[in-house]
């Protein structure tokens, strides 16, 4: 059974989050081009075609299909004051229902916006959406031990460390350890099969 959710239309003081739309390919490509060196230490190897607009238009299409199927929710973090300015992304993947009712969250911020509270605002909006609209019980987020900014962000948002995974993901040319964290919805209620 496929789930159908309302589109995430999340607005904060400085950011606006929405699903990728047709025509966003050029904006997504430019985001990754200007942040290539900045994001390289944290990202897996780039798939074939990654540096093309066609790749990102396919990403948009797949994002919409996966959202409609209830398996992921990829949000673009946009400036409220500068239309079309992509500041980052917050993604919910591997959305699971039933007795697990959980997802994995990942995020990336534009280097120029690092340290300005943009991701804290964006991730806070996504947490609220995940717990109140998607009604999930657990959000998992994992980070490289060397990524102190990401660890600090998750701690400030209430995530608890649950473990340490050796050789967890192939990142920047090698298998890398990750710190495993999660945030549990303290007000979850309902039917696990819906």
Protein backbone atom coordinates (compact mmCIF):
# COMPACT_ATOMS: atom_id res chain seq x y z
CA UNK A 1 0.00 0.00 0.00
CA UNK A 2 1.46 3.40 -0.95
CA UNK A 3 1.20 6.29 1.44
CA UNK A 4 0.12 9.74 0.35
CA UNK A 5 1.30 12.72 2.36
CA UNK A 6 0.70 16.44 1.90
CA UNK A 7 3.74 18.13 0.34
CA UNK A 8 6.15 19.57 2.88
CA UNK A 9 5.62 23.30 2.75
CA UNK A 10 7.71 24.29 5.73
CA UNK A 11 8.51 27.88 6.55
CA UNK A 12 10.86 29.24 9.19
CA UNK A 13 12.22 32.70 9.92
CA UNK A 14 14.91 32.54 7.24
CA UNK A 15 14.23 29.35 5.30
CA UNK A 16 11.54 27.75 3.20
CA UNK A 17 11.54 24.00 2.55
CA UNK A 18 9.82 22.22 -0.31
CA UNK A 19 10.09 19.13 -2.47
CA UNK A 20 12.21 19.40 -5.62
CA UNK A 21 10.16 20.45 -8.65
CA UNK A 22 10.63 20.09 -12.39
CA UNK A 23 13.17 22.67 -13.51
CA UNK A 24 15.19 22.53 -10.25
CA UNK A 25 17.96 20.50 -11.92
CA UNK A 26 20.08 23.55 -12.78
CA UNK A 27 19.81 24.94 -9.24
CA UNK A 28 20.77 21.57 -7.70
CA UNK A 29 23.71 21.18 -10.07
CA UNK A 30 25.00 24.67 -9.21
CA UNK A 31 24.68 23.93 -5.48
CA UNK A 32 26.88 20.85 -5.85
CA UNK A 33 29.35 22.56 -8.16
CA UNK A 34 29.99 25.45 -5.77
CA UNK A 35 30.22 23.06 -2.80
CA UNK A 36 32.21 20.27 -4.48
CA UNK A 37 35.35 20.57 -2.33
CA UNK A 38 33.41 21.44 0.82
CA UNK A 39 31.11 18.38 0.69
CA UNK A 40 33.65 15.88 -0.69
CA UNK A 41 34.92 14.68 2.73
CA UNK A 42 31.34 13.77 3.77
CA UNK A 43 29.82 12.30 0.61
CA UNK A 44 30.00 8.92 -1.13
CA UNK A 45 31.53 8.65 -4.62
CA UNK A 46 29.54 10.52 -7.24
CA UNK A 47 27.49 8.34 -9.58
CA UNK A 48 27.90 8.55 -13.34
CA UNK A 49 26.34 11.72 -14.76
CA UNK A 50 26.30 13.52 -11.37
CA UNK A 51 27.74 16.72 -12.86
CA UNK A 52 24.98 17.10 -15.47
CA UNK A 53 21.65 18.88 -15.33
CA UNK A 54 19.96 15.74 -16.70
CA UNK A 55 21.10 13.80 -13.62
CA UNK A 56 19.48 16.35 -11.33
CA UNK A 57 16.24 16.49 -13.30
CA UNK A 58 16.05 12.70 -12.90
CA UNK A 59 16.73 13.22 -9.17
CA UNK A 60 13.73 15.57 -9.07
CA UNK A 61 11.50 13.01 -10.79
CA UNK A 62 12.65 10.20 -8.49
CA UNK A 63 12.20 12.42 -5.43
CA UNK A 64 8.57 13.04 -6.37
CA UNK A 65 7.93 9.36 -7.10
CA UNK A 66 9.50 8.22 -3.82
CA UNK A 67 7.58 10.85 -1.87
CA UNK A 68 4.31 9.70 -3.46
CA UNK A 69 5.22 6.09 -2.54
CA UNK A 70 5.94 7.15 1.06
CA UNK A 71 9.56 5.92 1.00
CA UNK A 72 11.45 9.23 1.15
CA UNK A 73 11.05 12.97 1.58
CA UNK A 74 13.79 15.11 0.04
CA UNK A 75 13.51 18.77 1.00
CA UNK A 76 15.28 21.72 -0.55
CA UNK A 77 16.30 24.43 1.93
CA UNK A 78 15.70 27.77 0.22
CA UNK A 79 16.17 31.37 1.31
CA UNK A 80 12.92 33.14 2.14
CA UNK A 81 14.39 36.49 1.08
CA UNK A 82 16.21 35.45 -2.11
CA UNK A 83 13.98 33.33 -4.36
CA UNK A 84 15.85 30.49 -6.02
CA UNK A 85 18.78 30.59 -3.57
CA UNK A 86 19.40 26.98 -2.50
CA UNK A 87 21.09 26.93 0.92
CA UNK A 88 20.95 23.18 1.50
CA UNK A 89 19.03 19.94 1.56
CA UNK A 90 17.43 17.81 4.28
CA UNK A 91 16.48 14.28 3.24
CA UNK A 92 14.43 11.62 4.96
CA UNK A 93 15.15 8.23 3.42
CA UNK A 94 14.21 4.61 4.09
CA UNK A 95 10.89 5.66 5.62
CA UNK A 96 9.50 2.57 7.30
CA UNK A 97 6.08 1.94 8.78
CA UNK A 98 4.75 -1.00 10.78
CA UNK A 99 6.47 -1.78 14.09
CA UNK A 100 9.54 0.34 13.17
CA UNK A 101 7.94 3.67 12.10
CA UNK A 102 11.31 5.32 11.46
CA UNK A 103 13.53 7.00 8.87
CA UNK A 104 17.12 8.07 8.28
CA UNK A 105 17.84 11.78 8.00
CA UNK A 106 20.72 13.35 6.09
CA UNK A 107 21.51 16.97 5.31
CA UNK A 108 23.94 19.28 3.56
CA UNK A 109 24.46 23.03 3.79
CA UNK A 110 26.06 25.51 1.42
CA UNK A 111 29.59 26.33 2.61
CA UNK A 112 28.77 30.06 2.57
CA UNK A 113 25.96 29.47 5.08
CA UNK A 114 27.83 27.17 7.48
CA UNK A 115 27.76 28.29 11.10
CA UNK A 116 24.80 30.66 10.64
CA UNK A 117 22.07 28.45 12.13
CA UNK A 118 20.46 27.66 8.78
CA UNK A 119 20.59 23.88 9.22
CA UNK A 120 19.37 24.07 12.81
CA UNK A 121 16.31 25.97 11.60
CA UNK A 122 15.75 23.66 8.61
CA UNK A 123 16.28 20.40 10.50
CA UNK A 124 14.00 21.60 13.32
CA UNK A 125 11.23 22.15 10.77
CA UNK A 126 11.80 18.69 9.29
CA UNK A 127 11.73 17.07 12.75
CA UNK A 128 8.39 18.71 13.48
CA UNK A 129 7.04 17.60 10.09
CA UNK A 130 8.35 14.05 10.61
CA UNK A 131 6.79 13.66 14.04
CA UNK A 132 3.51 15.53 13.56
CA UNK A 133 2.61 15.08 9.89
CA UNK A 134 4.36 11.85 8.88
CA UNK A 135 3.78 10.56 12.44
CA UNK A 136 7.03 8.60 12.60
CA UNK A 137 8.38 7.37 15.93
CA UNK A 138 12.14 7.61 15.34
CA UNK A 139 14.55 9.68 13.24
CA UNK A 140 18.06 8.28 12.85
CA UNK A 141 20.99 10.46 11.81
CA UNK A 142 24.60 9.29 11.54
CA UNK A 143 27.78 11.32 11.16
CA UNK A 144 31.53 10.93 10.73
CA UNK A 145 33.40 11.25 14.05
CA UNK A 146 35.48 14.05 12.50
CA UNK A 147 32.36 16.05 11.57
CA UNK A 148 32.11 17.99 14.82
CA UNK A 149 29.63 20.53 13.41
CA UNK A 150 27.15 17.82 12.50
CA UNK A 151 27.56 16.13 15.88
CA UNK A 152 27.01 19.45 17.65
CA UNK A 153 23.89 20.19 15.61
CA UNK A 154 22.36 16.82 16.43
CA UNK A 155 23.15 17.17 20.14
CA UNK A 156 21.55 20.64 20.24
CA UNK A 157 18.43 19.20 18.62
CA UNK A 158 18.15 16.44 21.22
CA UNK A 159 19.55 13.45 19.32
CA UNK A 160 21.09 10.73 21.51
CA UNK A 161 24.18 8.73 20.59
CA UNK A 162 23.23 5.07 20.23
CA UNK A 163 26.39 3.50 18.93
CA UNK A 164 29.53 3.53 16.87
CA UNK A 165 29.55 1.73 13.51
CA UNK A 166 32.92 0.69 12.08
CA UNK A 167 33.39 0.89 8.30
CA UNK A 168 29.79 2.07 8.01
CA UNK A 169 29.80 3.94 4.66
CA UNK A 170 32.19 4.30 1.74
CA UNK A 171 33.00 8.02 1.95
CA UNK A 172 35.79 10.02 0.32
CA UNK A 173 37.69 6.98 -0.96
CA UNK A 174 37.49 4.66 2.07
CA UNK A 175 35.11 2.85 4.42
CA UNK A 176 34.46 5.30 7.25
CA UNK A 177 33.25 4.85 10.82
CA UNK A 178 30.08 6.70 11.87
CA UNK A 179 28.48 7.75 15.12
CA UNK A 180 24.85 6.58 15.22
CA UNK A 181 22.22 8.85 16.75
CA UNK A 182 18.46 9.03 16.97
CA UNK A 183 15.61 11.21 18.16
CA UNK A 184 12.39 9.58 19.39
CA UNK A 185 8.96 11.16 19.09
CA UNK A 186 7.84 11.50 22.73
CA UNK A 187 4.20 12.05 21.76
CA UNK A 188 3.75 9.23 19.25
CA UNK A 189 0.38 7.55 19.23
CA UNK A 190 -1.73 5.77 16.69
CA UNK A 191 -1.91 2.60 14.64
CA UNK A 192 1.46 1.28 13.48
CA UNK A 193 -0.18 -0.11 10.34
CA UNK A 194 -1.35 3.28 9.04
